[in-house]
Amino acid sequence: MAEEPKKQFQAIARNVRMSARKARLVMDIVRGRNAQEAMTLLRFVNKRAAPEISKLIQSAVANAEDYANRSGVDVDTETLVIADAFVDEGPRMKRWRPRSRGMAHPFTRHTCHMTVRVAEAGHVAEQKQGRPAFARPRKRLSKDQRLAKRAGKSGEKGKAAKPAKAEK
């Protein structure tokens, strides 16, 4: 039985010397975009995380290209979309800073782990379509629709529905 070709490729940068909170700001900008478009966009983002994330996207695209060359599968790197991009906290480095009267005060240097997954646009659409009901965004109903729905449910049980409160 032939193995099914990969449709998703990832790159991980571990122990990057920056705060995860600050890196998430930039990662939120590129999530869901075309990889080439994201690379162009990151050139103009004035944040310290932008070059690191740019390198990470380049690495993920290169991983896709390498897989295509090795396995003989056709992967179009021009149409790759950033399917998943997230930043986790890494280990904290504890350091000491000198203060007055010979005292030392502790401070921490934060690190983070960045992950980017790229996939073909069709694969991303398939994944979103197959999500379970609890993962899909909930459709909001108006007050009248909620009351009508409640009246329909209670009508089945034989109870009378509560009338809507009159507006003053």
N, C-alpha and C. Protein backbone atom coordinates (compact mmCIF):
# COMPACT_ATOMS: atom_id res chain seq x y z
N MET A 1 0.85 -1.18 0.00
CA MET A 1 0.00 0.00 0.00
C MET A 1 0.89 1.23 0.00
N ALA A 2 0.63 2.15 -0.91
CA ALA A 2 1.43 3.35 -1.04
C ALA A 2 1.04 4.36 0.05
N GLU A 3 2.03 5.00 0.55
CA GLU A 3 1.84 5.97 1.61
C GLU A 3 1.26 7.26 1.02
N GLU A 4 0.29 7.87 1.71
CA GLU A 4 -0.33 9.09 1.22
C GLU A 4 0.65 10.26 1.39
N PRO A 5 0.79 11.13 0.39
CA PRO A 5 1.75 12.23 0.49
C PRO A 5 1.36 13.24 1.57
N LYS A 6 2.39 13.85 2.17
CA LYS A 6 2.16 14.86 3.19
C LYS A 6 1.51 16.08 2.57
N LYS A 7 0.66 16.72 3.33
CA LYS A 7 0.01 17.93 2.84
C LYS A 7 0.33 19.11 3.73
N GLN A 8 1.00 18.87 4.83
CA GLN A 8 1.30 19.93 5.79
C GLN A 8 2.77 19.85 6.17
N PHE A 9 3.43 20.99 6.24
CA PHE A 9 4.87 21.03 6.53
C PHE A 9 5.10 22.07 7.62
N GLN A 10 6.04 21.77 8.53
CA GLN A 10 6.24 22.68 9.64
C GLN A 10 7.69 23.02 9.87
N ALA A 11 7.88 24.12 10.59
CA ALA A 11 9.21 24.53 11.03
C ALA A 11 9.05 25.03 12.46
N ILE A 12 10.02 24.72 13.31
CA ILE A 12 9.97 25.09 14.72
C ILE A 12 11.26 25.81 15.09
N ALA A 13 11.13 26.93 15.77
CA ALA A 13 12.28 27.64 16.32
C ALA A 13 12.15 27.59 17.84
N ARG A 14 13.14 27.00 18.48
CA ARG A 14 13.06 26.83 19.93
C ARG A 14 14.06 27.76 20.63
N ASN A 15 13.69 28.15 21.84
CA ASN A 15 14.52 28.99 22.71
C ASN A 15 14.91 30.32 22.05
N VAL A 16 13.95 30.95 21.40
CA VAL A 16 14.18 32.26 20.80
C VAL A 16 14.16 33.29 21.92
N ARG A 17 15.16 34.18 21.94
CA ARG A 17 15.31 35.11 23.05
C ARG A 17 14.39 36.32 22.92
N MET A 18 13.09 36.09 23.10
CA MET A 18 12.12 37.18 23.18
C MET A 18 10.88 36.68 23.90
N SER A 19 10.10 37.60 24.36
CA SER A 19 8.89 37.26 25.09
C SER A 19 7.85 36.65 24.16
N ALA A 20 7.17 35.62 24.61
CA ALA A 20 6.15 34.96 23.80
C ALA A 20 4.99 35.92 23.53
N ARG A 21 4.67 36.74 24.47
CA ARG A 21 3.56 37.69 24.32
C ARG A 21 3.83 38.67 23.18
N LYS A 22 5.05 39.13 23.07
CA LYS A 22 5.41 40.08 22.02
C LYS A 22 5.48 39.39 20.65
N ALA A 23 5.93 38.15 20.64
CA ALA A 23 6.01 37.41 19.38
C ALA A 23 4.62 37.05 18.86
N ARG A 24 3.66 36.83 19.77
CA ARG A 24 2.30 36.48 19.35
C ARG A 24 1.64 37.62 18.58
N LEU A 25 2.00 38.85 18.89
CA LEU A 25 1.43 39.99 18.18
C LEU A 25 1.73 39.90 16.69
N VAL A 26 2.95 39.51 16.35
CA VAL A 26 3.36 39.41 14.95
C VAL A 26 2.80 38.13 14.34
N MET A 27 2.77 37.05 15.11
CA MET A 27 2.28 35.78 14.59
C MET A 27 0.80 35.87 14.22
N ASP A 28 0.03 36.67 14.97
CA ASP A 28 -1.39 36.85 14.66
C ASP A 28 -1.60 37.54 13.32
N ILE A 29 -0.64 38.36 12.91
CA ILE A 29 -0.76 39.09 11.65
C ILE A 29 -0.66 38.14 10.45
N VAL A 30 0.22 37.15 10.53
CA VAL A 30 0.49 36.29 9.37
C VAL A 30 -0.36 35.02 9.31
N ARG A 31 -1.00 34.65 10.40
CA ARG A 31 -1.77 33.40 10.43
C ARG A 31 -2.90 33.42 9.39
N GLY A 32 -2.97 32.37 8.58
CA GLY A 32 -4.03 32.26 7.58
C GLY A 32 -3.71 32.89 6.23
N ARG A 33 -2.59 33.57 6.11
CA ARG A 33 -2.23 34.23 4.86
C ARG A 33 -1.41 33.33 3.96
N ASN A 34 -1.30 33.72 2.72
CA ASN A 34 -0.41 33.06 1.77
C ASN A 34 1.02 33.27 2.26
N ALA A 35 1.88 32.27 2.13
CA ALA A 35 3.25 32.35 2.65
C ALA A 35 4.04 33.49 2.00
N GLN A 36 3.90 33.66 0.69
CA GLN A 36 4.63 34.74 -0.01
C GLN A 36 4.13 36.11 0.45
N GLU A 37 2.83 36.22 0.61
CA GLU A 37 2.23 37.48 1.07
C GLU A 37 2.70 37.80 2.49
N ALA A 38 2.77 36.78 3.34
CA ALA A 38 3.20 36.97 4.72
C ALA A 38 4.66 37.44 4.77
N MET A 39 5.50 36.87 3.90
CA MET A 39 6.91 37.27 3.86
C MET A 39 7.04 38.75 3.50
N THR A 40 6.25 39.19 2.52
CA THR A 40 6.27 40.59 2.11
C THR A 40 5.78 41.49 3.24
N LEU A 41 4.73 41.06 3.89
CA LEU A 41 4.14 41.85 4.97
C LEU A 41 5.11 42.00 6.14
N LEU A 42 5.85 40.94 6.45
CA LEU A 42 6.78 40.97 7.59
C LEU A 42 7.94 41.93 7.37
N ARG A 43 8.26 42.23 6.11
CA ARG A 43 9.34 43.19 5.86
C ARG A 43 8.99 44.58 6.37
N PHE A 44 7.69 44.88 6.46
CA PHE A 44 7.24 46.22 6.85
C PHE A 44 6.73 46.29 8.28
N VAL A 45 6.74 45.18 8.99
CA VAL A 45 6.30 45.18 10.39
C VAL A 45 7.48 45.60 11.26
N ASN A 46 7.29 46.62 12.05
CA ASN A 46 8.37 47.16 12.87
C ASN A 46 8.36 46.53 14.26
N LYS A 47 8.60 45.24 14.31
CA LYS A 47 8.68 44.51 15.57
C LYS A 47 9.90 43.60 15.52
N ARG A 48 10.47 43.33 16.69
CA ARG A 48 11.68 42.52 16.75
C ARG A 48 11.44 41.07 16.34
N ALA A 49 10.21 40.60 16.48
CA ALA A 49 9.89 39.21 16.15
C ALA A 49 9.73 38.99 14.65
N ALA A 50 9.55 40.05 13.88
CA ALA A 50 9.26 39.92 12.45
C ALA A 50 10.35 39.17 11.68
N PRO A 51 11.65 39.50 11.83
CA PRO A 51 12.67 38.74 11.09
C PRO A 51 12.73 37.27 11.50
N GLU A 52 12.52 36.98 12.78
CA GLU A 52 12.55 35.59 13.25
C GLU A 52 11.40 34.79 12.63
N ILE A 53 10.22 35.37 12.59
CA ILE A 53 9.06 34.67 12.03
C ILE A 53 9.22 34.53 10.52
N SER A 54 9.84 35.54 9.89
CA SER A 54 10.10 35.47 8.45
C SER A 54 11.02 34.29 8.13
N LYS A 55 12.07 34.13 8.91
CA LYS A 55 12.99 33.00 8.73
C LYS A 55 12.26 31.67 8.91
N LEU A 56 11.36 31.65 9.89
CA LEU A 56 10.61 30.43 10.19
C LEU A 56 9.70 30.04 9.03
N ILE A 57 9.05 31.02 8.43
CA ILE A 57 8.18 30.75 7.28
C ILE A 57 9.02 30.26 6.10
N GLN A 58 10.17 30.89 5.88
CA GLN A 58 11.07 30.46 4.81
C GLN A 58 11.48 29.01 5.03
N SER A 59 11.76 28.66 6.27
CA SER A 59 12.18 27.30 6.58
C SER A 59 11.05 26.29 6.32
N ALA A 60 9.82 26.65 6.68
CA ALA A 60 8.69 25.76 6.45
C ALA A 60 8.46 25.54 4.95
N VAL A 61 8.59 26.61 4.16
CA VAL A 61 8.43 26.50 2.70
C VAL A 61 9.56 25.65 2.12
N ALA A 62 10.79 25.83 2.64
CA ALA A 62 11.93 25.03 2.19
C ALA A 62 11.73 23.56 2.55
N ASN A 63 11.13 23.28 3.71
CA ASN A 63 10.83 21.90 4.10
C ASN A 63 9.85 21.27 3.12
N ALA A 64 8.86 22.05 2.68
CA ALA A 64 7.89 21.55 1.70
C ALA A 64 8.57 21.26 0.37
N GLU A 65 9.45 22.17 -0.04
CA GLU A 65 10.17 22.00 -1.30
C GLU A 65 11.09 20.77 -1.24
N ASP A 66 11.76 20.60 -0.12
CA ASP A 66 12.67 19.46 0.07
C ASP A 66 11.89 18.15 0.02
N TYR A 67 10.73 18.12 0.67
CA TYR A 67 9.90 16.92 0.66
C TYR A 67 9.46 16.59 -0.77
N ALA A 68 9.08 17.64 -1.52
CA ALA A 68 8.64 17.44 -2.90
C ALA A 68 9.77 16.88 -3.75
N ASN A 69 10.98 17.39 -3.56
CA ASN A 69 12.13 16.90 -4.34
C ASN A 69 12.50 15.47 -3.99
N ARG A 70 12.43 15.13 -2.71
CA ARG A 70 12.84 13.79 -2.28
C ARG A 70 11.83 12.71 -2.61
N SER A 71 10.55 13.03 -2.44
CA SER A 71 9.53 12.00 -2.63
C SER A 71 8.93 12.00 -4.03
N GLY A 72 9.22 13.00 -4.82
CA GLY A 72 8.69 13.05 -6.18
C GLY A 72 7.24 13.51 -6.25
N VAL A 73 6.74 14.09 -5.17
CA VAL A 73 5.37 14.59 -5.12
C VAL A 73 5.38 16.05 -5.58
N ASP A 74 4.36 16.46 -6.30
CA ASP A 74 4.28 17.83 -6.78
C ASP A 74 3.67 18.72 -5.70
N VAL A 75 4.49 19.62 -5.13
CA VAL A 75 4.02 20.58 -4.14
C VAL A 75 4.30 21.97 -4.69
N ASP A 76 3.25 22.77 -4.87
CA ASP A 76 3.39 24.12 -5.40
C ASP A 76 3.68 25.06 -4.23
N THR A 77 4.93 25.49 -4.10
CA THR A 77 5.32 26.33 -2.97
C THR A 77 4.80 27.76 -3.10
N GLU A 78 4.35 28.15 -4.27
CA GLU A 78 3.81 29.50 -4.46
C GLU A 78 2.43 29.65 -3.82
N THR A 79 1.70 28.55 -3.69
CA THR A 79 0.33 28.62 -3.18
C THR A 79 0.20 28.12 -1.75
N LEU A 80 1.31 27.95 -1.04
CA LEU A 80 1.23 27.47 0.34
C LEU A 80 0.64 28.56 1.24
N VAL A 81 -0.20 28.12 2.17
CA VAL A 81 -0.88 29.01 3.11
C VAL A 81 -0.41 28.67 4.52
N ILE A 82 -0.30 29.66 5.37
CA ILE A 82 0.09 29.41 6.76
C ILE A 82 -1.14 28.87 7.47
N ALA A 83 -1.17 27.57 7.65
CA ALA A 83 -2.33 26.89 8.23
C ALA A 83 -2.38 27.06 9.73
N ASP A 84 -1.23 27.04 10.37
CA ASP A 84 -1.18 27.09 11.82
C ASP A 84 0.09 27.81 12.23
N ALA A 85 -0.03 28.76 13.13
CA ALA A 85 1.14 29.49 13.61
C ALA A 85 0.90 29.86 15.07
N PHE A 86 1.79 29.42 15.93
CA PHE A 86 1.61 29.73 17.34
C PHE A 86 2.96 29.88 18.04
N VAL A 87 2.90 30.52 19.20
CA VAL A 87 4.09 30.78 20.01
C VAL A 87 3.83 30.28 21.42
N ASP A 88 4.71 29.45 21.92
CA ASP A 88 4.63 28.96 23.30
C ASP A 88 5.77 29.53 24.11
N GLU A 89 5.57 29.59 25.42
CA GLU A 89 6.65 30.08 26.29
C GLU A 89 7.75 29.05 26.37
N GLY A 90 8.98 29.53 26.44
CA GLY A 90 10.12 28.66 26.62
C GLY A 90 10.64 28.79 28.05
N PRO A 91 11.80 28.24 28.30
CA PRO A 91 12.36 28.35 29.66
C PRO A 91 12.77 29.79 29.95
N ARG A 92 12.71 30.15 31.21
CA ARG A 92 13.11 31.49 31.61
C ARG A 92 14.51 31.43 32.20
N MET A 93 15.31 32.40 31.84
CA MET A 93 16.67 32.45 32.38
C MET A 93 16.68 33.43 33.55
N LYS A 94 17.14 32.96 34.68
CA LYS A 94 17.18 33.82 35.88
C LYS A 94 18.52 34.52 35.93
N ARG A 95 18.47 35.83 36.03
CA ARG A 95 19.68 36.65 36.07
C ARG A 95 19.61 37.60 37.26
N TRP A 96 20.76 38.20 37.56
CA TRP A 96 20.85 39.13 38.67
C TRP A 96 21.40 40.46 38.18
N ARG A 97 20.88 41.55 38.73
CA ARG A 97 21.31 42.89 38.35
C ARG A 97 21.80 43.61 39.61
N PRO A 98 22.97 44.24 39.53
CA PRO A 98 23.48 44.95 40.71
C PRO A 98 22.63 46.18 41.04
N ARG A 99 22.46 46.43 42.33
CA ARG A 99 21.74 47.59 42.81
C ARG A 99 22.59 48.33 43.83
N SER A 100 22.02 49.36 44.37
CA SER A 100 22.77 50.19 45.32
C SER A 100 23.12 49.43 46.59
N ARG A 101 24.16 49.87 47.27
CA ARG A 101 24.66 49.30 48.54
C ARG A 101 25.01 47.82 48.40
N GLY A 102 25.50 47.42 47.23
CA GLY A 102 26.00 46.07 47.04
C GLY A 102 24.94 44.99 46.95
N MET A 103 23.69 45.39 46.80
CA MET A 103 22.62 44.40 46.73
C MET A 103 22.47 43.89 45.29
N ALA A 104 21.80 42.76 45.15
CA ALA A 104 21.52 42.19 43.83
C ALA A 104 20.03 41.93 43.72
N HIS A 105 19.46 42.30 42.59
CA HIS A 105 18.03 42.08 42.36
C HIS A 105 17.84 41.09 41.21
N PRO A 106 16.92 40.13 41.38
CA PRO A 106 16.70 39.14 40.32
C PRO A 106 15.82 39.70 39.20
N PHE A 107 16.05 39.21 37.99
CA PHE A 107 15.15 39.47 36.87
C PHE A 107 15.22 38.27 35.94
N THR A 108 14.25 38.13 35.07
CA THR A 108 14.21 36.97 34.19
C THR A 108 14.28 37.40 32.73
N ARG A 109 14.96 36.61 31.95
CA ARG A 109 14.98 36.80 30.50
C ARG A 109 14.07 35.73 29.91
N HIS A 110 13.08 36.18 29.17
CA HIS A 110 12.09 35.25 28.62
C HIS A 110 12.54 34.67 27.29
N THR A 111 12.14 33.44 27.03
CA THR A 111 12.37 32.81 25.73
C THR A 111 11.05 32.22 25.25
N CYS A 112 11.00 31.85 23.98
CA CYS A 112 9.77 31.27 23.45
C CYS A 112 10.09 30.24 22.37
N HIS A 113 9.10 29.40 22.10
CA HIS A 113 9.19 28.42 21.03
C HIS A 113 8.14 28.80 19.98
N MET A 114 8.59 29.00 18.73
CA MET A 114 7.67 29.39 17.65
C MET A 114 7.47 28.21 16.70
N THR A 115 6.23 28.00 16.27
CA THR A 115 5.91 26.93 15.33
C THR A 115 5.06 27.49 14.20
N VAL A 116 5.42 27.15 12.97
CA VAL A 116 4.64 27.54 11.79
C VAL A 116 4.40 26.30 10.95
N ARG A 117 3.13 26.08 10.57
CA ARG A 117 2.77 24.99 9.66
C ARG A 117 2.19 25.59 8.40
N VAL A 118 2.73 25.17 7.27
CA VAL A 118 2.19 25.62 5.98
C VAL A 118 1.54 24.42 5.29
N ALA A 119 0.50 24.71 4.52
CA ALA A 119 -0.21 23.66 3.80
C ALA A 119 -0.79 24.25 2.53
N GLU A 120 -1.21 23.36 1.64
CA GLU A 120 -1.86 23.83 0.43
C GLU A 120 -3.25 24.35 0.79
N ALA A 121 -3.72 25.35 0.06
CA ALA A 121 -4.98 26.02 0.39
C ALA A 121 -6.16 25.04 0.43
N GLY A 122 -6.18 24.08 -0.47
CA GLY A 122 -7.27 23.10 -0.49
C GLY A 122 -7.30 22.24 0.75
N HIS A 123 -6.13 21.89 1.24
CA HIS A 123 -6.03 21.06 2.46
C HIS A 123 -6.55 21.82 3.67
N VAL A 124 -6.26 23.11 3.75
CA VAL A 124 -6.72 23.93 4.88
C VAL A 124 -8.24 24.01 4.87
N ALA A 125 -8.83 24.19 3.68
CA ALA A 125 -10.29 24.26 3.57
C ALA A 125 -10.93 22.94 3.98
N GLU A 126 -10.32 21.82 3.61
CA GLU A 126 -10.84 20.50 4.00
C GLU A 126 -10.81 20.33 5.51
N GLN A 127 -9.74 20.77 6.14
CA GLN A 127 -9.61 20.62 7.58
C GLN A 127 -10.67 21.44 8.31
N LYS A 128 -10.91 22.67 7.86
CA LYS A 128 -11.90 23.51 8.52
C LYS A 128 -13.30 22.95 8.35
N GLN A 129 -13.57 22.33 7.21
CA GLN A 129 -14.89 21.78 6.94
C GLN A 129 -15.17 20.59 7.86
N GLY A 130 -14.17 19.80 8.19
CA GLY A 130 -14.36 18.61 8.98
C GLY A 130 -14.27 18.84 10.48
N ARG A 131 -14.25 20.10 10.92
CA ARG A 131 -14.12 20.37 12.36
C ARG A 131 -15.39 19.96 13.10
N PRO A 132 -15.26 19.51 14.34
CA PRO A 132 -16.45 19.15 15.11
C PRO A 132 -17.28 20.39 15.46
N ALA A 133 -18.53 20.18 15.84
CA ALA A 133 -19.45 21.29 16.07
C ALA A 133 -18.94 22.23 17.16
N PHE A 134 -18.31 21.71 18.21
CA PHE A 134 -17.87 22.58 19.30
C PHE A 134 -16.70 23.47 18.88
N ALA A 135 -15.99 23.13 17.81
CA ALA A 135 -14.85 23.94 17.37
C ALA A 135 -15.27 25.03 16.39
N ARG A 136 -16.48 24.91 15.83
CA ARG A 136 -16.96 25.93 14.89
C ARG A 136 -17.52 27.11 15.66
N PRO A 137 -17.40 28.32 15.12
CA PRO A 137 -17.98 29.47 15.81
C PRO A 137 -19.50 29.35 15.88
N ARG A 138 -20.07 29.74 16.99
CA ARG A 138 -21.50 29.60 17.21
C ARG A 138 -22.26 30.71 16.48
N LYS A 139 -23.38 30.36 15.88
CA LYS A 139 -24.20 31.35 15.19
C LYS A 139 -25.06 32.05 16.24
N ARG A 140 -24.98 33.37 16.29
CA ARG A 140 -25.73 34.13 17.27
C ARG A 140 -27.17 34.33 16.80
N LEU A 141 -28.11 34.15 17.71
CA LEU A 141 -29.52 34.33 17.41
C LEU A 141 -30.02 35.62 18.06
N SER A 142 -31.02 36.25 17.43
CA SER A 142 -31.62 37.43 18.03
C SER A 142 -32.55 36.99 19.16
N LYS A 143 -33.03 37.95 19.93
CA LYS A 143 -33.89 37.63 21.06
C LYS A 143 -35.18 36.97 20.57
N ASP A 144 -35.75 37.49 19.48
CA ASP A 144 -36.99 36.92 18.94
C ASP A 144 -36.78 35.48 18.47
N GLN A 145 -35.63 35.22 17.84
CA GLN A 145 -35.34 33.86 17.37
C GLN A 145 -35.17 32.90 18.54
N ARG A 146 -34.53 33.38 19.62
CA ARG A 146 -34.36 32.53 20.81
C ARG A 146 -35.70 32.19 21.44
N LEU A 147 -36.60 33.20 21.53
CA LEU A 147 -37.91 32.96 22.12
C LEU A 147 -38.74 32.01 21.26
N ALA A 148 -38.63 32.17 19.93
CA ALA A 148 -39.37 31.28 19.04
C ALA A 148 -38.84 29.86 19.16
N LYS A 149 -37.53 29.71 19.31
CA LYS A 149 -36.94 28.39 19.46
C LYS A 149 -37.41 27.75 20.77
N ARG A 150 -37.45 28.57 21.84
CA ARG A 150 -37.90 28.07 23.14
C ARG A 150 -39.37 27.68 23.08
N ALA A 151 -40.17 28.46 22.39
CA ALA A 151 -41.60 28.16 22.26
C ALA A 151 -41.80 26.84 21.51
N GLY A 152 -40.96 26.61 20.50
CA GLY A 152 -41.06 25.36 19.75
C GLY A 152 -40.70 24.15 20.59
N LYS A 153 -39.69 24.29 21.44
CA LYS A 153 -39.28 23.17 22.30
C LYS A 153 -40.33 22.90 23.37
N SER A 154 -40.83 23.97 24.02
CA SER A 154 -41.77 23.75 25.11
C SER A 154 -43.14 23.33 24.58
N GLY A 155 -43.45 23.70 23.33
CA GLY A 155 -44.70 23.27 22.71
C GLY A 155 -44.74 21.76 22.55
N GLU A 156 -43.57 21.17 22.33
CA GLU A 156 -43.51 19.71 22.18
C GLU A 156 -43.78 19.01 23.51
N LYS A 157 -43.38 19.65 24.62
CA LYS A 157 -43.54 19.03 25.93
C LYS A 157 -44.93 19.26 26.50
N GLY A 158 -45.69 20.18 25.91
CA GLY A 158 -47.04 20.43 26.41
C GLY A 158 -47.09 21.62 27.34
N LYS A 159 -46.02 22.33 27.55
CA LYS A 159 -46.02 23.50 28.42
C LYS A 159 -46.19 24.75 27.57
N ALA A 160 -46.74 25.77 28.15
CA ALA A 160 -46.92 27.04 27.43
C ALA A 160 -45.63 27.85 27.55
N ALA A 161 -45.26 28.54 26.47
CA ALA A 161 -44.05 29.35 26.46
C ALA A 161 -44.30 30.66 27.18
N LYS A 162 -43.29 31.20 27.81
CA LYS A 162 -43.42 32.47 28.50
C LYS A 162 -43.50 33.58 27.46
N PRO A 163 -44.40 34.53 27.64
CA PRO A 163 -44.49 35.64 26.69
C PRO A 163 -43.30 36.58 26.86
N ALA A 164 -42.91 37.26 25.76
CA ALA A 164 -41.81 38.20 25.81
C ALA A 164 -42.22 39.41 26.62
N LYS A 165 -41.26 39.99 27.36
CA LYS A 165 -41.55 41.16 28.18
C LYS A 165 -41.79 42.36 27.26
N ALA A 166 -42.77 43.14 27.61
CA ALA A 166 -43.09 44.33 26.81
C ALA A 166 -42.04 45.41 27.07
N GLU A 167 -41.61 46.07 26.01
CA GLU A 167 -40.63 47.13 26.16
C GLU A 167 -41.33 48.40 26.56
N LYS A 168 -40.68 49.18 27.43
CA LYS A 168 -41.29 50.43 27.90
C LYS A 168 -40.81 51.59 27.09
